[in-house]
Protein backbone atom coordinates (compact mmCIF):
# COMPACT_ATOMS: atom_id res chain seq x y z
CA VAL A 1 28.42 -64.86 63.07
CA GLN A 2 31.27 -66.62 61.26
CA LEU A 3 34.83 -66.28 62.54
CA GLN A 4 38.13 -66.67 60.69
CA ALA A 5 41.34 -66.72 62.73
CA SER A 6 44.74 -66.01 61.20
CA GLY A 7 48.26 -64.92 62.08
CA GLY A 8 49.67 -68.06 63.62
CA GLY A 9 53.10 -69.39 62.78
CA LEU A 10 56.47 -70.54 64.05
CA VAL A 11 58.40 -68.16 66.30
CA GLN A 12 61.37 -68.45 68.62
CA ALA A 13 60.96 -68.10 72.35
CA GLY A 14 60.88 -64.44 73.32
CA GLY A 15 59.34 -63.45 70.02
CA SER A 16 55.96 -61.96 69.17
CA LEU A 17 52.94 -62.74 67.04
CA ARG A 18 49.64 -61.00 66.45
CA LEU A 19 46.58 -63.10 65.83
CA SER A 20 43.55 -61.71 64.07
CA CYS A 21 39.99 -62.95 64.00
CA ALA A 22 37.75 -61.54 61.31
CA ALA A 23 34.01 -61.83 61.78
CA SER A 24 31.26 -61.77 59.23
CA GLY A 25 27.91 -60.13 59.81
CA ARG A 26 26.73 -56.73 60.93
CA THR A 27 26.30 -57.59 64.59
CA PHE A 28 29.97 -58.13 65.52
CA SER A 29 29.93 -55.16 67.88
CA SER A 30 27.23 -56.81 69.97
CA TYR A 31 29.38 -59.83 70.86
CA ASN A 32 31.89 -60.28 73.61
CA MET A 33 34.92 -61.98 72.10
CA GLY A 34 37.45 -64.44 73.42
CA TRP A 35 40.61 -66.33 72.59
CA PHE A 36 41.20 -69.91 73.70
CA ARG A 37 43.99 -72.36 72.99
CA GLN A 38 44.37 -76.10 72.89
CA ALA A 39 47.64 -77.99 73.02
CA PRO A 40 47.85 -81.63 71.84
CA GLY A 41 46.27 -83.97 74.35
CA LYS A 42 45.01 -81.15 76.53
CA GLU A 43 41.72 -79.40 77.10
CA ARG A 44 40.82 -76.10 75.50
CA ASP A 45 42.00 -73.33 77.83
CA PHE A 46 40.92 -69.74 78.19
CA VAL A 47 43.43 -67.09 77.12
CA ALA A 48 41.69 -63.70 77.01
CA ALA A 49 38.33 -62.05 76.46
CA ILE A 50 37.03 -58.58 75.68
CA SER A 51 33.64 -56.94 76.04
CA TRP A 52 31.58 -55.84 73.06
CA GLY A 53 32.75 -52.24 73.36
CA GLY A 54 36.33 -53.05 74.30
CA GLY A 55 36.12 -51.45 77.72
CA SER A 56 36.55 -54.64 79.72
CA THR A 57 39.20 -57.33 79.32
CA ILE A 58 40.19 -60.43 81.26
CA TYR A 59 43.22 -62.70 80.93
CA ALA A 60 44.41 -66.07 82.06
CA ASP A 61 47.11 -65.76 84.71
CA SER A 62 49.57 -67.54 82.43
CA VAL A 63 49.45 -64.75 79.83
CA LYS A 64 48.93 -61.63 81.93
CA GLY A 65 51.49 -58.97 81.10
CA ARG A 66 52.49 -60.72 77.87
CA PHE A 67 49.30 -60.90 75.78
CA THR A 68 46.88 -58.11 74.89
CA ILE A 69 43.41 -58.55 73.44
CA SER A 70 41.85 -55.71 71.48
CA ARG A 71 39.13 -55.20 68.90
CA ASP A 72 38.21 -52.89 66.05
CA ASN A 73 34.46 -52.96 65.58
CA ALA A 74 34.70 -50.91 62.40
CA LYS A 75 36.76 -53.74 60.90
CA ASN A 76 34.83 -56.58 62.56
CA THR A 77 38.10 -57.89 63.92
CA VAL A 78 39.50 -58.93 67.27
CA TYR A 79 43.24 -59.22 67.87
CA LEU A 80 45.56 -61.02 70.23
CA GLN A 81 49.01 -59.48 70.52
CA MET A 82 51.37 -62.06 71.99
CA ASN A 83 54.75 -60.94 73.28
CA SER A 84 57.53 -62.73 75.15
CA LEU A 85 56.30 -66.03 73.80
CA LYS A 86 57.28 -69.24 75.56
CA PRO A 87 57.36 -72.85 74.31
CA GLU A 88 54.40 -73.59 76.57
CA ASP A 89 52.33 -71.13 74.54
CA THR A 90 52.42 -73.62 71.66
CA ALA A 91 48.84 -74.56 70.78
CA VAL A 92 46.05 -74.08 68.30
CA TYR A 93 44.43 -70.74 69.07
CA TYR A 94 40.70 -70.25 68.59
CA CYS A 95 38.62 -67.12 68.63
CA ALA A 96 35.04 -67.25 69.85
CA ALA A 97 32.01 -65.01 70.23
CA ALA A 98 29.55 -64.80 73.10
CA THR A 99 26.33 -62.97 73.72
CA GLY A 100 25.40 -61.59 77.10
CA GLY A 101 26.42 -58.69 79.23
CA SER A 102 29.35 -60.21 81.12
CA VAL A 103 32.79 -61.12 79.87
CA TYR A 104 33.25 -64.85 80.37
CA SER A 105 36.22 -67.18 80.50
CA THR A 106 34.47 -70.53 80.17
CA PRO A 107 34.17 -72.14 76.72
CA ASN A 108 30.54 -73.13 77.16
CA ARG A 109 29.56 -69.45 77.32
CA PHE A 110 30.75 -68.91 73.76
CA HIS A 111 28.35 -69.76 70.97
CA TYR A 112 30.44 -69.27 67.84
CA TRP A 113 33.96 -70.53 67.13
CA GLY A 114 36.57 -69.97 64.46
CA GLN A 115 38.62 -72.74 62.89
CA GLY A 116 41.84 -72.15 64.84
CA THR A 117 45.34 -71.06 63.93
CA GLN A 118 48.51 -72.90 64.94
CA VAL A 119 51.11 -71.13 67.07
CA THR A 120 54.42 -72.90 67.60
CA VAL A 121 57.11 -71.46 69.84
CA SER A 122 60.53 -73.04 69.58
CA SER A 123 63.03 -73.01 72.44
């Protein structure tokens, strides 16, 4: 599966953005999907993940209550709605796809990665 992330940009603290990740291929609905982010000089961190059917989601503690992951299997797209953004949310955001029955939060469980989209939150 090929992934294309979009929707990043520059936003003031307290603002919102919605990221999208469009997937190619007919098997999108069989993949668990995740969002990760990487700030300059830091490791790639888990943000959120969602099961293949959308019934199960997990979040990093740092984004709980502010970010929402969702998916539309008919459109082969996964979303990340980001509200109440903070300067520390500034990073390149990547979407990723994983096979398997469980929803994971570790990068090495994800087999396919998009190219990333930059999110910058100004104070």
